[in-house]
Amino acid sequence: MIRPRWQGFRRSGRDRAWRRWDQGIAILAAINLTWVIFDVTYVPLRKFWLQRNLYPLPSLPLVVPLPWLPDITPYYDPIKGIEPHRDTQAYLNHFEQLDQAMLSQGLASPTVKQLLEQQLTLTERMIQSNPFLSSSNSGALEKLKTRFRARADLDSSTQAAGLLLSAPYLSEQPWHKERLFWKDQILPLVAINTWRSSDENGQPTDLSWRVDTPFQLLFLLDILLRALRVKRRYPAIRWRDALLRRWIDLPLLLPFARLLRVVPVTERLSNAGLIQLEPLRAAISRGVVALLAVELFEVITIRVVDALQQMIRSPQLPQRIRGFCTYQGTELNEQRELVELVRLWLPLLLSQVGPNMKPQLVALLGHLLQQNLNKSMIPEPLRGLPTIVRAESELSRQLAENLVDSVLGLSRGASSRLERRDTVLEALSSDTIDRFWEELARALEQGPVLERSQELLASLLEDLKRSSFRQIRDQGGVDDLIRELDGLNFSSSEIPPRSQA
């Protein structure tokens, strides 16, 4: 069975320290990637981190509170340069004063009436000036208006706010219910409005590099240590090539496109043995390689067959045939290759193949001689007599056997002579082969055989191309090839253990 590479793999215990280091760096890289994802999504999801409410279906008023999550906005807002907006923060502070006064002094107090008037003024100013534009939260103001109108059952949000903050209305409605409306539906929307400072280049302030720099320095140290390990293992390798072997770690050092760190982090976790991705990689690679193998074989077949057809259809075919002559070669070794091949094969045919075929040659030649004798030397009335037939058969067999023995004896002698180095024989063989190619090219040029041969050979190659493609498709394609690979990789049969010396 072909065992998958992720099964039965054992590491030696010599590199335990380095392996623990790699595992530690991989864990830190995973932590860094988690922080990068949090940092990149913090600003768009700040409302979630502030309120810790999850809206699984935005189209429905369904809220899942997550009170167990800590409020991290006071600690992480300064890193992003986020500060409370002055107008909305003043609105929140003033409402706290109003709430405390209402709970301690009651609605009849002159201070409370003054605070109500001031709160109404701040509400109208907020509705008219829309301070949410600076944080791209204009939708929050629209929600505020909608909730004011729904609470007061009025068409104007300004009039609705005036009614909700008026003394006659609050005298009829208990404050402990109204304050829940403000704290649950109004103030959380006001609190999401922020102001973000800019740096000297006009870009929003982002001090996350202060958190990322220690990780990057640690990753740089690890890359250098890995290059040092490669350099010690292969002393001849250059430092540049040793460092380029860790090109996949480049996103760990870049201050931009930090989400690309998922690639080196995944690679490190896999190599450290903390996660197992080899089966997934093998499954993907099998599909890709199988698909490419089929496509590549088809393309190569088309190109080879087309090249052969183009060469055959070319009017320069006789010149190409003359190119096989030894004197057309550019190097001496190329000129003598065909002659050397003939010198090796002729003794083999004459000394071994021919003698082993003696019974077949005798039978064939005897039959031919008997047919000739029967037609040329025996009169027609005597041809069917059994005695004449037996005499013909025996005479033909003896003649054929003697002739074959003579030829095979001559071939053995020629074989022994061909096995010896003979410059004259090599020259004669070379002249014979060259003459063969010359005569073949001349015959093709002078007669009508060339065009017909080109048509037949090109048609034969076209049929070969079509039949090969049909055979590939009949074999089932990529899916069957992948199933065959799976059968080889996950076969239940086991390879017998090797015998130990």
Protein backbone atom coordinates (compact mmCIF):
# COMPACT_ATOMS: atom_id res chain seq x y z
CA MET A 1 0.00 0.00 0.00
CA ILE A 2 1.06 3.59 -0.56
CA ARG A 3 0.90 5.00 2.96
CA PRO A 4 -0.32 8.61 3.28
CA ARG A 5 2.49 10.88 4.37
CA TRP A 6 0.73 12.08 7.52
CA GLN A 7 0.34 8.54 8.87
CA GLY A 8 3.06 6.71 10.70
CA PHE A 9 5.43 9.69 10.64
CA ARG A 10 7.87 9.76 13.53
CA ARG A 11 10.30 12.52 14.37
CA SER A 12 13.62 11.89 16.01
CA GLY A 13 14.19 13.12 19.53
CA ARG A 14 17.30 15.13 18.65
CA ASP A 15 15.41 18.30 17.83
CA ARG A 16 13.05 18.40 20.80
CA ALA A 17 14.22 21.83 21.92
CA TRP A 18 13.78 23.30 18.45
CA ARG A 19 10.41 21.60 18.14
CA ARG A 20 9.22 23.14 21.41
CA TRP A 21 10.50 26.51 20.21
CA ASP A 22 8.59 26.09 16.94
CA GLN A 23 5.45 25.14 18.82
CA GLY A 24 5.78 28.16 21.11
CA ILE A 25 6.28 30.51 18.17
CA ALA A 26 3.33 28.92 16.38
CA ILE A 27 1.09 29.53 19.40
CA LEU A 28 2.26 33.14 19.65
CA ALA A 29 1.65 33.57 15.91
CA ALA A 30 -1.89 32.26 16.38
CA ILE A 31 -2.41 34.71 19.25
CA ASN A 32 -1.06 37.52 17.09
CA LEU A 33 -3.39 36.56 14.24
CA THR A 34 -6.35 36.55 16.62
CA TRP A 35 -5.39 40.02 17.82
CA VAL A 36 -4.95 41.22 14.21
CA ILE A 37 -8.47 40.09 13.35
CA PHE A 38 -9.79 41.84 16.45
CA ASP A 39 -7.82 45.01 15.68
CA VAL A 40 -8.97 45.17 12.06
CA THR A 41 -12.63 44.70 12.99
CA TYR A 42 -12.63 46.80 16.18
CA VAL A 43 -13.75 50.09 14.65
CA PRO A 44 -16.61 48.60 12.57
CA LEU A 45 -17.72 46.47 15.54
CA ARG A 46 -17.17 49.04 18.28
CA LYS A 47 -20.91 49.28 18.85
CA PHE A 48 -20.98 45.58 19.68
CA TRP A 49 -18.04 45.84 22.09
CA LEU A 50 -19.64 48.85 23.72
CA GLN A 51 -23.13 47.43 24.21
CA ARG A 52 -22.31 43.68 24.12
CA ASN A 53 -25.60 42.96 22.36
CA LEU A 54 -25.88 40.51 19.49
CA TYR A 55 -28.46 40.96 16.75
CA PRO A 56 -28.69 37.55 14.99
CA LEU A 57 -31.48 38.70 12.65
CA PRO A 58 -31.08 42.39 11.77
CA SER A 59 -34.55 42.46 10.17
CA LEU A 60 -36.17 41.47 13.47
CA PRO A 61 -35.98 43.27 16.85
CA LEU A 62 -34.26 40.24 18.40
CA VAL A 63 -31.44 41.03 20.82
CA VAL A 64 -29.17 38.55 22.54
CA PRO A 65 -27.36 40.28 25.43
CA LEU A 66 -23.87 39.11 26.26
CA PRO A 67 -23.23 40.63 29.70
CA TRP A 68 -20.38 38.22 30.45
CA LEU A 69 -18.22 40.00 27.88
CA PRO A 70 -16.06 42.74 29.44
CA ASP A 71 -16.30 46.34 28.32
CA ILE A 72 -12.94 46.79 26.57
CA THR A 73 -13.73 50.08 24.87
CA PRO A 74 -12.17 52.27 27.61
CA TYR A 75 -8.88 50.41 27.17
CA TYR A 76 -8.77 49.99 23.41
CA ASP A 77 -10.28 53.30 22.27
CA PRO A 78 -7.04 55.22 22.98
CA ILE A 79 -5.11 52.80 20.70
CA LYS A 80 -7.40 53.71 17.83
CA GLY A 81 -7.49 57.39 18.74
CA ILE A 82 -11.18 57.18 19.59
CA GLU A 83 -12.54 59.73 22.05
CA PRO A 84 -16.12 60.51 23.18
CA HIS A 85 -17.74 63.20 21.08
CA ARG A 86 -17.99 66.43 23.04
CA ASP A 87 -21.65 67.13 22.22
CA THR A 88 -22.98 63.64 22.84
CA GLN A 89 -20.81 63.22 25.95
CA ALA A 90 -22.19 66.47 27.32
CA TYR A 91 -25.67 65.14 26.56
CA LEU A 92 -24.98 61.96 28.54
CA ASN A 93 -23.46 63.84 31.48
CA HIS A 94 -26.37 66.24 31.64
CA PHE A 95 -28.89 63.41 31.63
CA GLU A 96 -27.09 61.82 34.58
CA GLN A 97 -27.50 65.07 36.49
CA LEU A 98 -31.19 65.19 35.56
CA ASP A 99 -31.71 61.60 36.62
CA GLN A 100 -30.07 62.14 40.00
CA ALA A 101 -32.06 65.33 40.59
CA MET A 102 -35.35 63.65 39.68
CA LEU A 103 -34.66 60.75 42.03
CA SER A 104 -33.54 62.94 44.93
CA GLN A 105 -35.59 66.15 44.59
CA GLY A 106 -38.64 65.26 42.52
CA LEU A 107 -40.34 67.07 39.65
CA ALA A 108 -41.47 70.06 41.76
CA SER A 109 -37.90 71.25 42.37
CA PRO A 110 -36.85 74.39 40.41
CA THR A 111 -33.49 72.74 39.71
CA VAL A 112 -35.20 69.80 38.04
CA LYS A 113 -37.32 72.10 35.86
CA GLN A 114 -34.19 73.95 34.78
CA LEU A 115 -32.41 70.70 34.02
CA LEU A 116 -35.40 69.53 31.95
CA GLU A 117 -35.27 72.71 29.88
CA GLN A 118 -31.53 72.30 29.34
CA GLN A 119 -31.95 68.62 28.40
CA LEU A 120 -34.62 69.56 25.88
CA THR A 121 -32.33 72.21 24.40
CA LEU A 122 -29.50 69.67 24.05
CA THR A 123 -31.90 67.17 22.45
CA GLU A 124 -33.15 69.67 19.88
CA ARG A 125 -29.56 70.74 19.10
CA MET A 126 -28.51 67.12 18.65
CA ILE A 127 -31.42 66.46 16.27
CA GLN A 128 -30.67 69.54 14.18
CA SER A 129 -26.85 69.44 14.07
CA ASN A 130 -26.46 65.63 13.74
CA PRO A 131 -23.13 65.12 15.53
CA PHE A 132 -23.18 61.47 14.44
CA LEU A 133 -21.79 62.39 11.01
CA SER A 134 -18.24 62.50 12.33
CA SER A 135 -18.37 58.80 13.27
CA SER A 136 -20.48 57.69 10.29
CA ASN A 137 -23.35 56.74 12.59
CA SER A 138 -26.12 58.79 11.06
CA GLY A 139 -28.38 55.77 11.32
CA ALA A 140 -28.26 56.10 15.12
CA LEU A 141 -29.83 59.56 14.94
CA GLU A 142 -32.61 58.22 12.72
CA LYS A 143 -33.29 55.50 15.24
CA LEU A 144 -33.44 58.15 17.99
CA LYS A 145 -36.02 60.14 16.04
CA THR A 146 -38.08 57.05 15.34
CA ARG A 147 -38.11 56.05 19.00
CA PHE A 148 -39.04 59.58 20.12
CA ARG A 149 -41.98 59.64 17.69
CA ALA A 150 -43.13 56.17 18.68
CA ARG A 151 -42.93 56.96 22.40
CA ALA A 152 -44.86 60.22 22.16
CA ASP A 153 -47.09 59.10 19.26
CA LEU A 154 -46.30 62.27 17.29
CA ASP A 155 -45.06 62.86 13.72
CA SER A 156 -42.30 65.32 14.64
CA SER A 157 -39.26 64.09 16.57
CA THR A 158 -38.62 67.60 17.98
CA GLN A 159 -42.18 67.90 19.27
CA ALA A 160 -41.98 64.34 20.62
CA ALA A 161 -38.79 65.16 22.57
CA GLY A 162 -40.44 68.32 23.91
CA LEU A 163 -43.40 66.30 25.12
CA LEU A 164 -41.29 63.60 26.77
CA LEU A 165 -39.22 66.20 28.65
CA SER A 166 -42.15 68.41 29.70
CA ALA A 167 -43.26 68.73 33.30
CA PRO A 168 -46.98 67.97 32.62
CA TYR A 169 -46.08 64.70 30.86
CA LEU A 170 -43.67 63.62 33.60
CA SER A 171 -46.22 64.47 36.25
CA GLU A 172 -48.54 61.89 34.74
CA GLN A 173 -45.88 59.26 33.92
CA PRO A 174 -43.73 57.86 36.74
CA TRP A 175 -40.08 58.70 36.31
CA HIS A 176 -38.83 55.20 37.06
CA LYS A 177 -40.56 53.99 33.87
CA GLU A 178 -39.46 56.92 31.76
CA ARG A 179 -35.85 56.66 32.86
CA LEU A 180 -35.84 53.01 31.69
CA PHE A 181 -36.92 54.21 28.24
CA TRP A 182 -34.10 56.72 28.15
CA LYS A 183 -31.43 54.38 29.52
CA ASP A 184 -32.39 51.36 27.43
CA GLN A 185 -33.33 52.92 24.09
CA ILE A 186 -31.94 56.46 23.85
CA LEU A 187 -28.68 56.77 25.77
CA PRO A 188 -27.04 53.61 24.26
CA LEU A 189 -27.52 55.10 20.80
CA VAL A 190 -26.06 58.41 21.93
CA ALA A 191 -23.08 56.65 23.51
CA ILE A 192 -21.93 55.04 20.26
CA ASN A 193 -21.08 58.43 18.78
CA THR A 194 -17.34 59.07 18.96
CA TRP A 195 -14.65 61.31 17.54
CA ARG A 196 -11.43 59.92 16.10
CA SER A 197 -8.27 61.97 15.94
CA SER A 198 -5.90 62.12 12.95
CA ASP A 199 -2.15 61.88 12.71
CA GLU A 200 0.26 64.20 10.91
CA ASN A 201 -0.51 62.58 7.56
CA GLY A 202 -4.23 63.14 7.90
CA GLN A 203 -4.93 59.46 8.52
CA PRO A 204 -7.01 58.24 11.48
CA THR A 205 -4.87 57.64 14.53
CA ASP A 206 -3.82 54.02 14.91
CA LEU A 207 -1.32 53.01 17.59
CA SER A 208 -1.75 49.27 17.12
CA TRP A 209 1.87 49.09 15.88
CA ARG A 210 2.93 49.41 19.48
CA VAL A 211 1.25 46.08 20.19
CA ASP A 212 2.36 44.46 16.93
CA THR A 213 6.04 45.46 17.01
CA PRO A 214 7.12 43.01 19.76
CA PHE A 215 5.50 40.17 17.81
CA GLN A 216 7.22 41.24 14.60
CA LEU A 217 10.62 41.36 16.32
CA LEU A 218 10.03 37.88 17.70
CA PHE A 219 9.02 36.61 14.25
CA LEU A 220 12.14 38.19 12.73
CA LEU A 221 14.31 36.45 15.33
CA ASP A 222 12.62 33.14 14.55
CA ILE A 223 13.16 33.59 10.80
CA LEU A 224 16.86 34.28 11.37
CA LEU A 225 17.14 31.20 13.60
CA ARG A 226 15.46 29.07 10.97
CA ALA A 227 17.88 30.39 8.34
CA LEU A 228 20.77 29.59 10.70
CA ARG A 229 19.50 26.03 11.09
CA VAL A 230 19.32 25.63 7.32
CA LYS A 231 22.82 27.11 6.97
CA ARG A 232 24.22 24.62 9.49
CA ARG A 233 22.54 21.72 7.76
CA TYR A 234 23.68 22.82 4.29
CA PRO A 235 26.89 24.82 4.68
CA ALA A 236 27.17 25.47 0.94
CA ILE A 237 23.89 27.38 0.80
CA ARG A 238 24.03 31.16 0.74
CA TRP A 239 22.39 33.27 3.41
CA ARG A 240 20.10 34.85 0.83
CA ASP A 241 18.81 31.47 -0.31
CA ALA A 242 18.41 30.31 3.29
CA LEU A 243 16.30 33.36 4.08
CA LEU A 244 14.27 33.02 0.87
CA ARG A 245 13.24 29.56 2.00
CA ARG A 246 11.05 31.33 4.57
CA TRP A 247 9.34 33.59 2.04
CA ILE A 248 6.00 32.39 3.37
CA ASP A 249 6.72 34.28 6.64
CA LEU A 250 6.83 37.67 4.88
CA PRO A 251 3.25 38.67 5.93
CA LEU A 252 4.35 38.32 9.58
CA LEU A 253 6.71 41.27 9.11
CA LEU A 254 4.49 43.52 6.99
CA PRO A 255 2.63 46.37 8.74
CA PHE A 256 -0.09 46.24 6.08
CA ALA A 257 -2.29 43.45 4.69
CA ARG A 258 -1.97 41.80 8.07
CA LEU A 259 -4.83 39.38 7.43
CA LEU A 260 -2.48 37.54 5.07
CA ARG A 261 -0.77 36.24 8.21
CA VAL A 262 -3.32 33.44 8.22
CA VAL A 263 -1.12 31.67 5.62
CA PRO A 264 2.17 31.53 7.59
CA VAL A 265 0.33 30.97 10.87
CA THR A 266 -1.51 27.98 9.42
CA GLU A 267 1.75 26.63 7.99
CA ARG A 268 3.53 26.99 11.34
CA LEU A 269 0.71 25.35 13.29
CA SER A 270 0.68 22.45 10.84
CA ASN A 271 4.46 21.95 10.87
CA ALA A 272 4.52 22.15 14.67
CA GLY A 273 1.92 19.38 14.86
CA LEU A 274 -0.64 21.56 16.66
CA ILE A 275 -3.22 21.17 13.89
CA GLN A 276 -3.55 18.48 11.25
CA LEU A 277 -3.99 19.89 7.75
CA GLU A 278 -2.14 17.24 5.77
CA PRO A 279 -5.27 15.19 4.94
CA LEU A 280 -6.99 18.33 3.64
CA ARG A 281 -3.89 19.34 1.66
CA ALA A 282 -3.58 15.84 0.23
CA ALA A 283 -7.24 15.74 -0.79
CA ILE A 284 -6.97 19.12 -2.51
CA SER A 285 -3.67 18.30 -4.19
CA ARG A 286 -4.99 14.95 -5.44
CA GLY A 287 -7.88 16.65 -7.16
CA VAL A 288 -5.75 19.41 -8.64
CA VAL A 289 -2.95 17.07 -9.75
CA ALA A 290 -5.37 14.57 -11.26
CA LEU A 291 -7.15 17.29 -13.19
CA LEU A 292 -3.89 18.80 -14.38
CA ALA A 293 -2.53 15.37 -15.31
CA VAL A 294 -5.47 14.61 -17.59
CA GLU A 295 -5.45 18.07 -19.14
CA LEU A 296 -1.67 18.07 -19.53
CA PHE A 297 -1.66 14.64 -21.17
CA GLU A 298 -4.30 15.78 -23.66
CA VAL A 299 -2.39 18.96 -24.48
CA ILE A 300 0.92 17.12 -24.89
CA THR A 301 -0.72 14.47 -27.08
CA ILE A 302 -2.26 17.14 -29.31
CA ARG A 303 1.01 19.04 -29.63
CA VAL A 304 3.06 15.90 -30.40
CA VAL A 305 0.59 14.53 -32.93
CA ASP A 306 0.16 17.94 -34.58
CA ALA A 307 3.93 18.34 -34.81
CA LEU A 308 4.27 14.91 -36.43
CA GLN A 309 1.45 15.69 -38.87
CA GLN A 310 3.03 19.01 -39.75
CA MET A 311 6.38 17.33 -40.32
CA ILE A 312 4.81 14.61 -42.48
CA ARG A 313 2.78 17.08 -44.57
CA SER A 314 5.83 19.27 -45.09
CA PRO A 315 7.29 19.25 -48.65
CA GLN A 316 10.69 19.05 -46.97
CA LEU A 317 10.06 15.45 -45.88
CA PRO A 318 12.66 14.01 -48.31
CA GLN A 319 15.24 16.47 -46.99
CA ARG A 320 14.41 15.37 -43.45
CA ILE A 321 14.92 11.75 -44.49
CA ARG A 322 18.32 12.68 -45.94
CA GLY A 323 19.06 14.21 -42.55
CA PHE A 324 19.38 10.67 -41.16
CA CYS A 325 22.53 10.18 -43.21
CA THR A 326 25.69 10.09 -41.14
CA TYR A 327 27.42 12.83 -43.10
CA GLN A 328 24.56 15.23 -42.23
CA GLY A 329 25.45 15.08 -38.50
CA THR A 330 27.25 17.92 -36.82
CA GLU A 331 29.19 15.82 -34.33
CA LEU A 332 31.27 12.68 -34.77
CA ASN A 333 29.45 10.84 -32.00
CA GLU A 334 26.10 11.49 -33.64
CA GLN A 335 27.41 10.25 -36.98
CA ARG A 336 28.48 6.88 -35.57
CA GLU A 337 25.46 6.17 -33.35
CA LEU A 338 23.42 4.42 -36.05
CA VAL A 339 26.44 2.44 -37.29
CA GLU A 340 27.20 1.31 -33.75
CA LEU A 341 23.59 0.27 -33.27
CA VAL A 342 23.71 -1.82 -36.46
CA ARG A 343 26.98 -3.42 -35.34
CA LEU A 344 25.36 -4.43 -32.04
CA TRP A 345 22.09 -5.72 -33.45
CA LEU A 346 23.26 -7.63 -36.53
CA PRO A 347 25.40 -10.14 -34.52
CA LEU A 348 22.51 -10.59 -32.13
CA LEU A 349 20.11 -11.41 -34.98
CA LEU A 350 22.56 -13.65 -36.83
CA SER A 351 23.95 -15.61 -33.89
CA GLN A 352 20.95 -16.00 -31.54
CA VAL A 353 17.65 -15.04 -33.10
CA GLY A 354 18.21 -16.77 -36.45
CA PRO A 355 19.39 -20.18 -35.15
CA ASN A 356 16.54 -20.33 -32.65
CA MET A 357 14.09 -19.92 -35.55
CA LYS A 358 15.52 -22.86 -37.55
CA PRO A 359 12.37 -25.14 -37.33
CA GLN A 360 10.11 -22.36 -38.49
CA LEU A 361 12.47 -21.36 -41.28
CA VAL A 362 12.83 -24.96 -42.48
CA ALA A 363 9.06 -25.48 -42.50
CA LEU A 364 8.45 -22.22 -44.36
CA LEU A 365 11.15 -22.76 -46.97
CA GLY A 366 10.20 -26.44 -47.43
CA HIS A 367 6.61 -25.51 -48.14
CA LEU A 368 7.67 -22.92 -50.70
CA LEU A 369 10.00 -25.39 -52.45
CA GLN A 370 7.32 -28.08 -52.50
CA GLN A 371 4.86 -25.68 -54.10
CA ASN A 372 7.41 -24.73 -56.76
CA LEU A 373 8.32 -28.35 -57.47
CA ASN A 374 4.70 -29.36 -57.70
CA LYS A 375 3.88 -26.63 -60.21
CA SER A 376 7.01 -26.64 -62.38
CA MET A 377 8.53 -30.17 -62.42
CA ILE A 378 5.67 -32.68 -61.85
CA PRO A 379 3.31 -33.37 -64.75
CA GLU A 380 -0.36 -32.70 -64.14
CA PRO A 381 -1.49 -36.41 -64.16
CA LEU A 382 1.12 -37.36 -61.49
CA ARG A 383 0.57 -34.52 -59.01
CA GLY A 384 -2.07 -36.25 -56.92
CA LEU A 385 -0.30 -39.57 -56.37
CA PRO A 386 0.61 -40.20 -52.69
CA THR A 387 4.07 -41.54 -53.56
CA ILE A 388 4.87 -38.43 -55.58
CA VAL A 389 3.53 -36.17 -52.81
CA ARG A 390 5.68 -37.89 -50.16
CA ALA A 391 8.73 -37.69 -52.40
CA GLU A 392 8.13 -34.00 -53.00
CA SER A 393 7.73 -33.35 -49.28
CA GLU A 394 10.88 -35.23 -48.34
CA LEU A 395 12.94 -33.62 -51.09
CA SER A 396 11.67 -30.15 -50.18
CA ARG A 397 12.41 -30.72 -46.50
CA GLN A 398 15.96 -31.86 -47.17
CA LEU A 399 16.63 -29.01 -49.56
CA ALA A 400 15.19 -26.47 -47.14
CA GLU A 401 17.13 -27.89 -44.20
CA ASN A 402 20.39 -27.88 -46.14
CA LEU A 403 19.75 -24.36 -47.36
CA VAL A 404 18.85 -23.09 -43.88
CA ASP A 405 21.91 -24.77 -42.38
CA SER A 406 24.08 -23.12 -44.97
CA VAL A 407 22.54 -19.72 -44.38
CA LEU A 408 22.74 -20.05 -40.57
CA GLY A 409 26.34 -21.21 -40.79
CA LEU A 410 27.11 -18.21 -42.94
CA SER A 411 25.26 -15.96 -40.50
CA ARG A 412 27.24 -17.31 -37.53
CA GLY A 413 30.48 -16.61 -39.34
CA ALA A 414 29.29 -13.14 -40.27
CA SER A 415 28.20 -12.55 -36.67
CA SER A 416 31.62 -13.46 -35.30
CA ARG A 417 33.25 -11.15 -37.79
CA LEU A 418 30.82 -8.32 -37.07
CA GLU A 419 31.56 -8.52 -33.33
CA ARG A 420 35.16 -7.60 -34.01
CA ARG A 421 36.17 -4.02 -34.58
CA ASP A 422 36.57 -3.48 -38.31
CA THR A 423 36.97 0.02 -39.68
CA VAL A 424 36.34 -1.14 -43.25
CA LEU A 425 33.14 -2.87 -42.17
CA GLU A 426 32.00 0.23 -40.29
CA ALA A 427 32.65 2.37 -43.34
CA LEU A 428 30.76 -0.05 -45.60
CA SER A 429 27.86 -0.20 -43.14
CA SER A 430 27.74 3.58 -42.94
CA ASP A 431 27.76 3.87 -46.75
CA THR A 432 25.00 1.27 -47.02
CA ILE A 433 22.75 3.08 -44.52
CA ASP A 434 23.41 6.45 -46.16
CA ARG A 435 22.61 4.95 -49.56
CA PHE A 436 19.34 3.58 -48.18
CA TRP A 437 18.21 6.99 -46.92
CA GLU A 438 19.32 8.67 -50.18
CA GLU A 439 17.45 6.20 -52.37
CA LEU A 440 14.34 6.42 -50.19
CA ALA A 441 14.34 10.21 -50.38
CA ARG A 442 14.93 10.15 -54.16
CA ALA A 443 12.12 7.66 -54.69
CA LEU A 444 9.72 9.83 -52.72
CA GLU A 445 10.71 12.93 -54.70
CA GLN A 446 10.32 11.34 -58.14
CA GLY A 447 7.09 9.38 -57.78
CA PRO A 448 3.49 10.06 -56.63
CA VAL A 449 4.07 8.06 -53.46
CA LEU A 450 5.00 11.09 -51.36
CA GLU A 451 1.62 12.83 -51.36
CA ARG A 452 -0.32 9.63 -50.82
CA SER A 453 2.01 8.54 -48.02
CA GLN A 454 1.65 11.92 -46.35
CA GLU A 455 -2.14 11.69 -46.49
CA LEU A 456 -2.21 8.17 -45.09
CA LEU A 457 0.26 8.88 -42.27
CA ALA A 458 -1.52 12.12 -41.29
CA SER A 459 -4.87 10.29 -41.27
CA LEU A 460 -3.35 7.50 -39.18
CA LEU A 461 -2.08 10.03 -36.63
CA GLU A 462 -5.46 11.78 -36.55
CA ASP A 463 -7.19 8.47 -35.83
CA LEU A 464 -4.60 7.78 -33.13
CA LYS A 465 -5.26 11.17 -31.54
CA ARG A 466 -9.04 10.67 -31.50
CA SER A 467 -8.83 7.11 -30.21
CA SER A 468 -6.46 8.14 -27.40
CA PHE A 469 -8.87 10.88 -26.27
CA ARG A 470 -11.81 8.49 -26.37
CA GLN A 471 -9.83 6.04 -24.29
CA ILE A 472 -9.02 8.73 -21.71
CA ARG A 473 -12.68 9.71 -21.41
CA ASP A 474 -13.82 6.08 -21.28
CA GLN A 475 -11.50 5.52 -18.33
CA GLY A 476 -13.73 7.75 -16.18
CA GLY A 477 -11.80 11.00 -16.00
CA VAL A 478 -10.69 12.81 -12.88
CA ASP A 479 -13.19 11.30 -10.44
CA ASP A 480 -12.21 7.72 -11.22
CA LEU A 481 -8.54 8.68 -11.06
CA ILE A 482 -9.03 10.18 -7.58
CA ARG A 483 -10.91 7.08 -6.44
CA GLU A 484 -8.05 4.95 -7.72
CA LEU A 485 -5.56 7.06 -5.77
CA ASP A 486 -7.70 6.74 -2.65
CA GLY A 487 -7.77 2.98 -3.16
CA LEU A 488 -3.98 2.92 -3.27
CA ASN A 489 -3.56 5.24 -0.28
CA PHE A 490 -6.16 3.68 2.00
CA SER A 491 -5.99 0.02 0.99
CA SER A 492 -6.57 -2.41 3.85
CA SER A 493 -3.63 -4.56 2.75
CA GLU A 494 -0.43 -3.95 4.63
CA ILE A 495 3.09 -4.01 3.30
CA PRO A 496 5.06 -6.84 4.90
CA PRO A 497 7.67 -5.50 7.32
CA ARG A 498 11.21 -5.25 6.11
CA SER A 499 13.67 -7.77 7.41
CA GLN A 500 16.21 -6.20 9.65
CA ALA A 501 19.84 -6.91 8.98
